[in-house]
Amino acid sequence: MPITDAAGAHAYLAGMYRDAYFPDHLVDKGRAILVALRERIETERPADLPALYVLTNAAAEEFNALQEEFWAADSEIETAARDDIALSFEHVMAACGFADADPEEALAERDW
């Protein structure tokens, strides 16, 4: 299902794209995780924050797996990347009507 509004064109992970330390093909994979999360939230329409966190934590686990690929490319999900990813998660949640979501709860399963 395509994202339903113009905000869906948000430049997820823009800071990572601007930094050559992060390979674009891997940042593309991270962006795809975020787009899929946004689409899943819009499709499933979680009834409350705990239901939302199930979806966001699954996406955080996908980023956990992506960390291995960053290491193999002599990069990593470090401070700047963590901030950029968290901001992108916050944008997804707010755009889907969950502006009051706790970013720490949303990313509780991250290991980066």
PDB file of N, CA and C in Angstrom:
ATOM      1  N   MET A   1       0.844  -1.179   0.000  1.00  0.00           N
ATOM      2  CA  MET A   1       0.000   0.000   0.000  1.00  0.00           C
ATOM      3  C   MET A   1       0.888   1.240   0.000  1.00  0.00           C
ATOM      4  N   PRO A   2       0.688   2.171  -0.907  1.00  0.00           N
ATOM      5  CA  PRO A   2       1.515   3.368  -0.935  1.00  0.00           C
ATOM      6  C   PRO A   2       1.198   4.310   0.223  1.00  0.00           C
ATOM      7  N   ILE A   3       2.190   5.068   0.633  1.00  0.00           N
ATOM      8  CA  ILE A   3       2.020   6.064   1.686  1.00  0.00           C
ATOM      9  C   ILE A   3       0.988   7.082   1.225  1.00  0.00           C
ATOM     10  N   THR A   4       0.134   7.513   2.157  1.00  0.00           N
ATOM     11  CA  THR A   4      -1.067   8.245   1.775  1.00  0.00           C
ATOM     12  C   THR A   4      -0.945   9.755   1.671  1.00  0.00           C
ATOM     13  N   ASP A   5       0.154  10.356   2.021  1.00  0.00           N
ATOM     14  CA  ASP A   5       0.204  11.812   1.946  1.00  0.00           C
ATOM     15  C   ASP A   5       1.568  12.313   1.486  1.00  0.00           C
ATOM     16  N   ALA A   6       1.628  13.598   1.218  1.00  0.00           N
ATOM     17  CA  ALA A   6       2.869  14.196   0.724  1.00  0.00           C
ATOM     18  C   ALA A   6       3.993  14.082   1.738  1.00  0.00           C
ATOM     19  N   ALA A   7       3.668  14.025   3.027  1.00  0.00           N
ATOM     20  CA  ALA A   7       4.697  13.880   4.046  1.00  0.00           C
ATOM     21  C   ALA A   7       5.435  12.554   3.903  1.00  0.00           C
ATOM     22  N   GLY A   8       4.830  11.610   3.187  1.00  0.00           N
ATOM     23  CA  GLY A   8       5.478  10.334   2.946  1.00  0.00           C
ATOM     24  C   GLY A   8       6.741  10.472   2.124  1.00  0.00           C
ATOM     25  N   ALA A   9       6.899  11.592   1.461  1.00  0.00           N
ATOM     26  CA  ALA A   9       8.094  11.853   0.658  1.00  0.00           C
ATOM     27  C   ALA A   9       9.234  12.385   1.526  1.00  0.00           C
ATOM     28  N   HIS A  10       9.036  12.417   2.829  1.00  0.00           N
ATOM     29  CA  HIS A  10      10.055  12.900   3.769  1.00  0.00           C
ATOM     30  C   HIS A  10      11.412  12.254   3.466  1.00  0.00           C
ATOM     31  N   ALA A  11      12.442  13.008   3.613  1.00  0.00           N
ATOM     32  CA  ALA A  11      13.793  12.519   3.324  1.00  0.00           C
ATOM     33  C   ALA A  11      14.348  11.758   4.527  1.00  0.00           C
ATOM     34  N   TYR A  12      13.856  10.541   4.714  1.00  0.00           N
ATOM     35  CA  TYR A  12      14.363   9.715   5.805  1.00  0.00           C
ATOM     36  C   TYR A  12      15.871   9.541   5.677  1.00  0.00           C
ATOM     37  N   LEU A  13      16.558   9.593   6.816  1.00  0.00           N
ATOM     38  CA  LEU A  13      18.002   9.364   6.919  1.00  0.00           C
ATOM     39  C   LEU A  13      18.821  10.364   6.104  1.00  0.00           C
ATOM     40  N   ALA A  14      18.327  11.572   5.963  1.00  0.00           N
ATOM     41  CA  ALA A  14      19.006  12.589   5.150  1.00  0.00           C
ATOM     42  C   ALA A  14      20.431  12.836   5.617  1.00  0.00           C
ATOM     43  N   GLY A  15      20.653  12.859   6.919  1.00  0.00           N
ATOM     44  CA  GLY A  15      22.006  13.082   7.430  1.00  0.00           C
ATOM     45  C   GLY A  15      22.959  11.970   7.044  1.00  0.00           C
ATOM     46  N   MET A  16      22.484  10.754   7.032  1.00  0.00           N
ATOM     47  CA  MET A  16      23.331   9.632   6.639  1.00  0.00           C
ATOM     48  C   MET A  16      23.653   9.703   5.150  1.00  0.00           C
ATOM     49  N   TYR A  17      22.690  10.121   4.350  1.00  0.00           N
ATOM     50  CA  TYR A  17      22.954  10.269   2.910  1.00  0.00           C
ATOM     51  C   TYR A  17      24.003  11.349   2.661  1.00  0.00           C
ATOM     52  N   ARG A  18      24.036  12.380   3.491  1.00  0.00           N
ATOM     53  CA  ARG A  18      24.998  13.477   3.292  1.00  0.00           C
ATOM     54  C   ARG A  18      26.413  13.113   3.727  1.00  0.00           C
ATOM     55  N   ASP A  19      26.559  12.047   4.497  1.00  0.00           N
ATOM     56  CA  ASP A  19      27.850  11.669   5.057  1.00  0.00           C
ATOM     57  C   ASP A  19      28.399  10.455   4.301  1.00  0.00           C
ATOM     58  N   ALA A  20      29.527  10.627   3.647  1.00  0.00           N
ATOM     59  CA  ALA A  20      30.125   9.556   2.837  1.00  0.00           C
ATOM     60  C   ALA A  20      30.535   8.341   3.674  1.00  0.00           C
ATOM     61  N   TYR A  21      30.614   8.479   4.981  1.00  0.00           N
ATOM     62  CA  TYR A  21      30.952   7.361   5.858  1.00  0.00           C
ATOM     63  C   TYR A  21      29.905   6.248   5.769  1.00  0.00           C
ATOM     64  N   PHE A  22      28.684   6.622   5.441  1.00  0.00           N
ATOM     65  CA  PHE A  22      27.590   5.655   5.348  1.00  0.00           C
ATOM     66  C   PHE A  22      27.328   5.323   3.890  1.00  0.00           C
ATOM     67  N   PRO A  23      27.589   4.095   3.458  1.00  0.00           N
ATOM     68  CA  PRO A  23      27.363   3.729   2.057  1.00  0.00           C
ATOM     69  C   PRO A  23      25.891   3.904   1.669  1.00  0.00           C
ATOM     70  N   ASP A  24      25.681   4.604   0.558  1.00  0.00           N
ATOM     71  CA  ASP A  24      24.316   4.895   0.122  1.00  0.00           C
ATOM     72  C   ASP A  24      23.466   3.637  -0.045  1.00  0.00           C
ATOM     73  N   HIS A  25      24.060   2.561  -0.555  1.00  0.00           N
ATOM     74  CA  HIS A  25      23.248   1.355  -0.764  1.00  0.00           C
ATOM     75  C   HIS A  25      22.740   0.775   0.557  1.00  0.00           C
ATOM     76  N   LEU A  26      23.479   0.995   1.646  1.00  0.00           N
ATOM     77  CA  LEU A  26      23.012   0.539   2.950  1.00  0.00           C
ATOM     78  C   LEU A  26      22.012   1.518   3.558  1.00  0.00           C
ATOM     79  N   VAL A  27      22.247   2.800   3.338  1.00  0.00           N
ATOM     80  CA  VAL A  27      21.279   3.800   3.793  1.00  0.00           C
ATOM     81  C   VAL A  27      19.956   3.581   3.055  1.00  0.00           C
ATOM     82  N   ASP A  28      20.038   3.212   1.783  1.00  0.00           N
ATOM     83  CA  ASP A  28      18.828   2.882   1.025  1.00  0.00           C
ATOM     84  C   ASP A  28      18.050   1.751   1.712  1.00  0.00           C
ATOM     85  N   LYS A  29      18.760   0.757   2.218  1.00  0.00           N
ATOM     86  CA  LYS A  29      18.101  -0.345   2.917  1.00  0.00           C
ATOM     87  C   LYS A  29      17.432   0.160   4.196  1.00  0.00           C
ATOM     88  N   GLY A  30      18.088   1.073   4.896  1.00  0.00           N
ATOM     89  CA  GLY A  30      17.493   1.661   6.096  1.00  0.00           C
ATOM     90  C   GLY A  30      16.257   2.466   5.761  1.00  0.00           C
ATOM     91  N   ARG A  31      16.336   3.229   4.694  1.00  0.00           N
ATOM     92  CA  ARG A  31      15.174   4.012   4.255  1.00  0.00           C
ATOM     93  C   ARG A  31      14.023   3.075   3.899  1.00  0.00           C
ATOM     94  N   ALA A  32      14.331   1.965   3.256  1.00  0.00           N
ATOM     95  CA  ALA A  32      13.290   0.996   2.893  1.00  0.00           C
ATOM     96  C   ALA A  32      12.614   0.426   4.150  1.00  0.00           C
ATOM     97  N   ILE A  33      13.382   0.216   5.215  1.00  0.00           N
ATOM     98  CA  ILE A  33      12.803  -0.247   6.479  1.00  0.00           C
ATOM     99  C   ILE A  33      11.797   0.785   6.994  1.00  0.00           C
ATOM    100  N   LEU A  34      12.171   2.053   6.924  1.00  0.00           N
ATOM    101  CA  LEU A  34      11.299   3.121   7.413  1.00  0.00           C
ATOM    102  C   LEU A  34      10.046   3.277   6.559  1.00  0.00           C
ATOM    103  N   VAL A  35      10.209   3.199   5.254  1.00  0.00           N
ATOM    104  CA  VAL A  35       9.046   3.297   4.356  1.00  0.00           C
ATOM    105  C   VAL A  35       8.105   2.120   4.607  1.00  0.00           C
ATOM    106  N   ALA A  36       8.667   0.929   4.765  1.00  0.00           N
ATOM    107  CA  ALA A  36       7.836  -0.250   5.039  1.00  0.00           C
ATOM    108  C   ALA A  36       7.127  -0.111   6.388  1.00  0.00           C
ATOM    109  N   LEU A  37       7.812   0.449   7.370  1.00  0.00           N
ATOM    110  CA  LEU A  37       7.187   0.684   8.669  1.00  0.00           C
ATOM    111  C   LEU A  37       6.012   1.635   8.521  1.00  0.00           C
ATOM    112  N   ARG A  38       6.239   2.717   7.802  1.00  0.00           N
ATOM    113  CA  ARG A  38       5.162   3.702   7.594  1.00  0.00           C
ATOM    114  C   ARG A  38       3.964   3.038   6.904  1.00  0.00           C
ATOM    115  N   GLU A  39       4.230   2.273   5.875  1.00  0.00           N
ATOM    116  CA  GLU A  39       3.149   1.592   5.159  1.00  0.00           C
ATOM    117  C   GLU A  39       2.438   0.581   6.060  1.00  0.00           C
ATOM    118  N   ARG A  40       3.205  -0.113   6.877  1.00  0.00           N
ATOM    119  CA  ARG A  40       2.596  -1.112   7.769  1.00  0.00           C
ATOM    120  C   ARG A  40       1.704  -0.442   8.813  1.00  0.00           C
ATOM    121  N   ILE A  41       2.176   0.684   9.368  1.00  0.00           N
ATOM    122  CA  ILE A  41       1.356   1.411  10.346  1.00  0.00           C
ATOM    123  C   ILE A  41       0.069   1.894   9.688  1.00  0.00           C
ATOM    124  N   GLU A  42       0.187   2.433   8.472  1.00  0.00           N
ATOM    125  CA  GLU A  42      -1.005   2.932   7.779  1.00  0.00           C
ATOM    126  C   GLU A  42      -1.962   1.794   7.425  1.00  0.00           C
ATOM    127  N   THR A  43      -1.448   0.636   7.124  1.00  0.00           N
ATOM    128  CA  THR A  43      -2.284  -0.504   6.764  1.00  0.00           C
ATOM    129  C   THR A  43      -2.938  -1.138   7.991  1.00  0.00           C
ATOM    130  N   GLU A  44      -2.132  -1.380   9.016  1.00  0.00           N
ATOM    131  CA  GLU A  44      -2.633  -2.092  10.200  1.00  0.00           C
ATOM    132  C   GLU A  44      -3.345  -1.173  11.191  1.00  0.00           C
ATOM    133  N   ARG A  45      -3.039   0.107  11.137  1.00  0.00           N
ATOM    134  CA  ARG A  45      -3.653   1.090  12.034  1.00  0.00           C
ATOM    135  C   ARG A  45      -3.678   0.601  13.491  1.00  0.00           C
ATOM    136  N   PRO A  46      -2.526   0.567  14.143  1.00  0.00           N
ATOM    137  CA  PRO A  46      -2.479   0.109  15.535  1.00  0.00           C
ATOM    138  C   PRO A  46      -3.450   0.914  16.405  1.00  0.00           C
ATOM    139  N   ALA A  47      -4.109   0.220  17.310  1.00  0.00           N
ATOM    140  CA  ALA A  47      -5.142   0.844  18.133  1.00  0.00           C
ATOM    141  C   ALA A  47      -4.582   1.722  19.244  1.00  0.00           C
ATOM    142  N   ASP A  48      -3.343   1.438  19.659  1.00  0.00           N
ATOM    143  CA  ASP A  48      -2.773   2.181  20.777  1.00  0.00           C
ATOM    144  C   ASP A  48      -1.249   2.137  20.691  1.00  0.00           C
ATOM    145  N   LEU A  49      -0.595   2.798  21.657  1.00  0.00           N
ATOM    146  CA  LEU A  49       0.869   2.850  21.632  1.00  0.00           C
ATOM    147  C   LEU A  49       1.519   1.471  21.779  1.00  0.00           C
ATOM    148  N   PRO A  50       1.052   0.608  22.670  1.00  0.00           N
ATOM    149  CA  PRO A  50       1.682  -0.722  22.731  1.00  0.00           C
ATOM    150  C   PRO A  50       1.625  -1.465  21.394  1.00  0.00           C
ATOM    151  N   ALA A  51       0.533  -1.342  20.677  1.00  0.00           N
ATOM    152  CA  ALA A  51       0.436  -1.992  19.362  1.00  0.00           C
ATOM    153  C   ALA A  51       1.387  -1.336  18.363  1.00  0.00           C
ATOM    154  N   LEU A  52       1.541  -0.024  18.455  1.00  0.00           N
ATOM    155  CA  LEU A  52       2.506   0.680  17.601  1.00  0.00           C
ATOM    156  C   LEU A  52       3.921   0.186  17.894  1.00  0.00           C
ATOM    157  N   TYR A  53       4.254   0.060  19.177  1.00  0.00           N
ATOM    158  CA  TYR A  53       5.614  -0.338  19.554  1.00  0.00           C
ATOM    159  C   TYR A  53       5.972  -1.728  19.062  1.00  0.00           C
ATOM    160  N   VAL A  54       4.999  -2.600  18.907  1.00  0.00           N
ATOM    161  CA  VAL A  54       5.274  -3.915  18.325  1.00  0.00           C
ATOM    162  C   VAL A  54       5.838  -3.727  16.908  1.00  0.00           C
ATOM    163  N   LEU A  55       5.224  -2.818  16.159  1.00  0.00           N
ATOM    164  CA  LEU A  55       5.672  -2.561  14.781  1.00  0.00           C
ATOM    165  C   LEU A  55       7.014  -1.840  14.748  1.00  0.00           C
ATOM    166  N   THR A  56       7.177  -0.828  15.590  1.00  0.00           N
ATOM    167  CA  THR A  56       8.429  -0.072  15.561  1.00  0.00           C
ATOM    168  C   THR A  56       9.598  -0.909  16.051  1.00  0.00           C
ATOM    169  N   ASN A  57       9.361  -1.755  17.043  1.00  0.00           N
ATOM    170  CA  ASN A  57      10.440  -2.595  17.533  1.00  0.00           C
ATOM    171  C   ASN A  57      10.846  -3.648  16.514  1.00  0.00           C
ATOM    172  N   ALA A  58       9.899  -4.123  15.736  1.00  0.00           N
ATOM    173  CA  ALA A  58      10.248  -5.053  14.651  1.00  0.00           C
ATOM    174  C   ALA A  58      11.141  -4.341  13.635  1.00  0.00           C
ATOM    175  N   ALA A  59      10.831  -3.082  13.336  1.00  0.00           N
ATOM    176  CA  ALA A  59      11.666  -2.312  12.406  1.00  0.00           C
ATOM    177  C   ALA A  59      13.042  -2.045  13.017  1.00  0.00           C
ATOM    178  N   ALA A  60      13.100  -1.780  14.312  1.00  0.00           N
ATOM    179  CA  ALA A  60      14.390  -1.584  14.982  1.00  0.00           C
ATOM    180  C   ALA A  60      15.244  -2.841  14.878  1.00  0.00           C
ATOM    181  N   GLU A  61      14.617  -3.999  14.987  1.00  0.00           N
ATOM    182  CA  GLU A  61      15.353  -5.261  14.847  1.00  0.00           C
ATOM    183  C   GLU A  61      15.886  -5.429  13.423  1.00  0.00           C
ATOM    184  N   GLU A  62      15.160  -4.911  12.440  1.00  0.00           N
ATOM    185  CA  GLU A  62      15.678  -4.944  11.068  1.00  0.00           C
ATOM    186  C   GLU A  62      16.932  -4.086  10.956  1.00  0.00           C
ATOM    187  N   PHE A  63      16.953  -2.939  11.636  1.00  0.00           N
ATOM    188  CA  PHE A  63      18.164  -2.121  11.666  1.00  0.00           C
ATOM    189  C   PHE A  63      19.279  -2.847  12.396  1.00  0.00           C
ATOM    190  N   ASN A  64      18.958  -3.613  13.436  1.00  0.00           N
ATOM    191  CA  ASN A  64      19.981  -4.410  14.130  1.00  0.00           C
ATOM    192  C   ASN A  64      20.684  -5.337  13.138  1.00  0.00           C
ATOM    193  N   ALA A  65      19.908  -5.992  12.305  1.00  0.00           N
ATOM    194  CA  ALA A  65      20.485  -6.902  11.312  1.00  0.00           C
ATOM    195  C   ALA A  65      21.300  -6.142  10.271  1.00  0.00           C
ATOM    196  N   LEU A  66      20.868  -4.952   9.946  1.00  0.00           N
ATOM    197  CA  LEU A  66      21.571  -4.134   8.952  1.00  0.00           C
ATOM    198  C   LEU A  66      22.947  -3.688   9.470  1.00  0.00           C
ATOM    199  N   GLN A  67      23.093  -3.608  10.789  1.00  0.00           N
ATOM    200  CA  GLN A  67      24.369  -3.210  11.381  1.00  0.00           C
ATOM    201  C   GLN A  67      25.516  -4.086  10.869  1.00  0.00           C
ATOM    202  N   GLU A  68      25.277  -5.376  10.724  1.00  0.00           N
ATOM    203  CA  GLU A  68      26.311  -6.290  10.225  1.00  0.00           C
ATOM    204  C   GLU A  68      26.814  -5.854   8.847  1.00  0.00           C
ATOM    205  N   GLU A  69      25.906  -5.417   7.999  1.00  0.00           N
ATOM    206  CA  GLU A  69      26.286  -4.971   6.660  1.00  0.00           C
ATOM    207  C   GLU A  69      27.088  -3.675   6.720  1.00  0.00           C
ATOM    208  N   PHE A  70      26.746  -2.801   7.646  1.00  0.00           N
ATOM    209  CA  PHE A  70      27.540  -1.579   7.811  1.00  0.00           C
ATOM    210  C   PHE A  70      28.958  -1.931   8.237  1.00  0.00           C
ATOM    211  N   TRP A  71      29.105  -2.840   9.195  1.00  0.00           N
ATOM    212  CA  TRP A  71      30.439  -3.247   9.625  1.00  0.00           C
ATOM    213  C   TRP A  71      31.228  -3.831   8.465  1.00  0.00           C
ATOM    214  N   ALA A  72      30.605  -4.660   7.656  1.00  0.00           N
ATOM    215  CA  ALA A  72      31.289  -5.267   6.511  1.00  0.00           C
ATOM    216  C   ALA A  72      31.738  -4.220   5.501  1.00  0.00           C
ATOM    217  N   ALA A  73      31.078  -3.067   5.507  1.00  0.00           N
ATOM    218  CA  ALA A  73      31.428  -1.974   4.587  1.00  0.00           C
ATOM    219  C   ALA A  73      32.311  -0.924   5.269  1.00  0.00           C
ATOM    220  N   ASP A  74      32.951  -1.308   6.389  1.00  0.00           N
ATOM    221  CA  ASP A  74      33.808  -0.395   7.156  1.00  0.00           C
ATOM    222  C   ASP A  74      33.065   0.857   7.606  1.00  0.00           C
ATOM    223  N   SER A  75      31.857   0.666   8.037  1.00  0.00           N
ATOM    224  CA  SER A  75      31.019   1.729   8.570  1.00  0.00           C
ATOM    225  C   SER A  75      30.313   1.143   9.792  1.00  0.00           C
ATOM    226  N   GLU A  76      29.442   1.912  10.412  1.00  0.00           N
ATOM    227  CA  GLU A  76      28.653   1.395  11.513  1.00  0.00           C
ATOM    228  C   GLU A  76      27.528   2.361  11.844  1.00  0.00           C
ATOM    229  N   ILE A  77      26.558   1.854  12.559  1.00  0.00           N
ATOM    230  CA  ILE A  77      25.477   2.711  13.044  1.00  0.00           C
ATOM    231  C   ILE A  77      25.985   3.315  14.346  1.00  0.00           C
ATOM    232  N   GLU A  78      26.590   4.482  14.213  1.00  0.00           N
ATOM    233  CA  GLU A  78      27.177   5.171  15.356  1.00  0.00           C
ATOM    234  C   GLU A  78      26.317   6.377  15.720  1.00  0.00           C
ATOM    235  N   THR A  79      26.847   7.286  16.536  1.00  0.00           N
ATOM    236  CA  THR A  79      26.050   8.370  17.117  1.00  0.00           C
ATOM    237  C   THR A  79      25.250   9.161  16.091  1.00  0.00           C
ATOM    238  N   ALA A  80      25.878   9.635  15.039  1.00  0.00           N
ATOM    239  CA  ALA A  80      25.158  10.432  14.044  1.00  0.00           C
ATOM    240  C   ALA A  80      24.063   9.607  13.378  1.00  0.00           C
ATOM    241  N   ALA A  81      24.365   8.358  13.072  1.00  0.00           N
ATOM    242  CA  ALA A  81      23.373   7.480  12.443  1.00  0.00           C
ATOM    243  C   ALA A  81      22.231   7.189  13.406  1.00  0.00           C
ATOM    244  N   ARG A  82      22.562   6.907  14.667  1.00  0.00           N
ATOM    245  CA  ARG A  82      21.509   6.634  15.662  1.00  0.00           C
ATOM    246  C   ARG A  82      20.545   7.808  15.760  1.00  0.00           C
ATOM    247  N   ASP A  83      21.095   9.013  15.802  1.00  0.00           N
ATOM    248  CA  ASP A  83      20.250  10.208  15.880  1.00  0.00           C
ATOM    249  C   ASP A  83      19.366  10.340  14.648  1.00  0.00           C
ATOM    250  N   ASP A  84      19.950  10.125  13.479  1.00  0.00           N
ATOM    251  CA  ASP A  84      19.202  10.255  12.229  1.00  0.00           C
ATOM    252  C   ASP A  84      18.101   9.198  12.137  1.00  0.00           C
ATOM    253  N   ILE A  85      18.419   7.987  12.538  1.00  0.00           N
ATOM    254  CA  ILE A  85      17.423   6.912  12.523  1.00  0.00           C
ATOM    255  C   ILE A  85      16.297   7.234  13.500  1.00  0.00           C
ATOM    256  N   ALA A  86      16.644   7.659  14.716  1.00  0.00           N
ATOM    257  CA  ALA A  86      15.624   7.978  15.719  1.00  0.00           C
ATOM    258  C   ALA A  86      14.719   9.110  15.237  1.00  0.00           C
ATOM    259  N   LEU A  87      15.299  10.142  14.627  1.00  0.00           N
ATOM    260  CA  LEU A  87      14.484  11.244  14.098  1.00  0.00           C
ATOM    261  C   LEU A  87      13.546  10.757  13.001  1.00  0.00           C
ATOM    262  N   SER A  88      14.028   9.851  12.178  1.00  0.00           N
ATOM    263  CA  SER A  88      13.179   9.310  11.116  1.00  0.00           C
ATOM    264  C   SER A  88      12.046   8.476  11.698  1.00  0.00           C
ATOM    265  N   PHE A  89      12.320   7.692  12.738  1.00  0.00           N
ATOM    266  CA  PHE A  89      11.261   6.949  13.415  1.00  0.00           C
ATOM    267  C   PHE A  89      10.230   7.915  13.992  1.00  0.00           C
ATOM    268  N   GLU A  90      10.700   8.988  14.624  1.00  0.00           N
ATOM    269  CA  GLU A  90       9.783   9.973  15.195  1.00  0.00           C
ATOM    270  C   GLU A  90       8.907  10.582  14.106  1.00  0.00           C
ATOM    271  N   HIS A  91       9.494  10.871  12.947  1.00  0.00           N
ATOM    272  CA  HIS A  91       8.708  11.425  11.846  1.00  0.00           C
ATOM    273  C   HIS A  91       7.637  10.437  11.397  1.00  0.00           C
ATOM    274  N   VAL A  92       8.007   9.183  11.246  1.00  0.00           N
ATOM    275  CA  VAL A  92       7.043   8.158  10.825  1.00  0.00           C
ATOM    276  C   VAL A  92       5.887   8.104  11.823  1.00  0.00           C
ATOM    277  N   MET A  93       6.216   8.046  13.103  1.00  0.00           N
ATOM    278  CA  MET A  93       5.167   7.918  14.112  1.00  0.00           C
ATOM    279  C   MET A  93       4.256   9.141  14.126  1.00  0.00           C
ATOM    280  N   ALA A  94       4.838  10.325  14.052  1.00  0.00           N
ATOM    281  CA  ALA A  94       4.033  11.550  14.055  1.00  0.00           C
ATOM    282  C   ALA A  94       3.154  11.627  12.809  1.00  0.00           C
ATOM    283  N   ALA A  95       3.713  11.286  11.658  1.00  0.00           N
ATOM    284  CA  ALA A  95       2.957  11.356  10.406  1.00  0.00           C
ATOM    285  C   ALA A  95       1.785  10.377  10.406  1.00  0.00           C
ATOM    286  N   CYS A  96       1.903   9.335  11.221  1.00  0.00           N
ATOM    287  CA  CYS A  96       0.835   8.324  11.290  1.00  0.00           C
ATOM    288  C   CYS A  96      -0.108   8.567  12.466  1.00  0.00           C
ATOM    289  N   GLY A  97       0.001   9.741  13.095  1.00  0.00           N
ATOM    290  CA  GLY A  97      -0.923  10.091  14.168  1.00  0.00           C
ATOM    291  C   GLY A  97      -0.484   9.693  15.561  1.00  0.00           C
ATOM    292  N   PHE A  98       0.790   9.353  15.721  1.00  0.00           N
ATOM    293  CA  PHE A  98       1.303   8.953  17.024  1.00  0.00           C
ATOM    294  C   PHE A  98       2.400   9.915  17.494  1.00  0.00           C
ATOM    295  N   ALA A  99       2.108  11.197  17.464  1.00  0.00           N
ATOM    296  CA  ALA A  99       3.088  12.207  17.869  1.00  0.00           C
ATOM    297  C   ALA A  99       3.467  12.073  19.336  1.00  0.00           C
ATOM    298  N   ASP A 100       2.611  11.443  20.136  1.00  0.00           N
ATOM    299  CA  ASP A 100       2.877  11.282  21.561  1.00  0.00           C
ATOM    300  C   ASP A 100       3.670  10.013  21.881  1.00  0.00           C
ATOM    301  N   ALA A 101       4.081   9.278  20.868  1.00  0.00           N
ATOM    302  CA  ALA A 101       4.838   8.043  21.081  1.00  0.00           C
ATOM    303  C   ALA A 101       6.199   8.347  21.697  1.00  0.00           C
ATOM    304  N   ASP A 102       6.648   7.472  22.567  1.00  0.00           N
ATOM    305  CA  ASP A 102       7.944   7.591  23.236  1.00  0.00           C
ATOM    306  C   ASP A 102       9.008   6.961  22.336  1.00  0.00           C
ATOM    307  N   PRO A 103       9.949   7.779  21.855  1.00  0.00           N
ATOM    308  CA  PRO A 103      10.988   7.222  20.959  1.00  0.00           C
ATOM    309  C   PRO A 103      11.797   6.095  21.612  1.00  0.00           C
ATOM    310  N   GLU A 104      12.024   6.177  22.907  1.00  0.00           N
ATOM    311  CA  GLU A 104      12.779   5.118  23.583  1.00  0.00           C
ATOM    312  C   GLU A 104      12.001   3.802  23.559  1.00  0.00           C
ATOM    313  N   GLU A 105      10.716   3.850  23.783  1.00  0.00           N
ATOM    314  CA  GLU A 105       9.888   2.648  23.715  1.00  0.00           C
ATOM    315  C   GLU A 105       9.814   2.128  22.279  1.00  0.00           C
ATOM    316  N   ALA A 106       9.723   3.065  21.349  1.00  0.00           N
ATOM    317  CA  ALA A 106       9.610   2.683  19.935  1.00  0.00           C
ATOM    318  C   ALA A 106      10.861   1.968  19.444  1.00  0.00           C
ATOM    319  N   LEU A 107      11.992   2.294  20.047  1.00  0.00           N
ATOM    320  CA  LEU A 107      13.272   1.702  19.610  1.00  0.00           C
ATOM    321  C   LEU A 107      13.878   0.804  20.692  1.00  0.00           C
ATOM    322  N   ALA A 108      13.057   0.304  21.583  1.00  0.00           N
ATOM    323  CA  ALA A 108      13.559  -0.473  22.721  1.00  0.00           C
ATOM    324  C   ALA A 108      14.381  -1.692  22.315  1.00  0.00           C
ATOM    325  N   GLU A 109      14.130  -2.252  21.153  1.00  0.00           N
ATOM    326  CA  GLU A 109      14.843  -3.463  20.720  1.00  0.00           C
ATOM    327  C   GLU A 109      16.143  -3.175  19.978  1.00  0.00           C
ATOM    328  N   ARG A 110      16.487  -1.908  19.810  1.00  0.00           N
ATOM    329  CA  ARG A 110      17.733  -1.608  19.083  1.00  0.00           C
ATOM    330  C   ARG A 110      18.951  -2.065  19.880  1.00  0.00           C
ATOM    331  N   ASP A 111      19.986  -2.441  19.159  1.00  0.00           N
ATOM    332  CA  ASP A 111      21.252  -2.760  19.824  1.00  0.00           C
ATOM    333  C   ASP A 111      22.391  -1.945  19.221  1.00  0.00           C
ATOM    334  N   TRP A 112      22.070  -0.776  18.747  1.00  0.00           N
ATOM    335  CA  TRP A 112      23.039   0.139  18.178  1.00  0.00           C
ATOM    336  C   TRP A 112      22.973   1.451  18.904  1.00  0.00           C
TER     337      TRP A 112
END
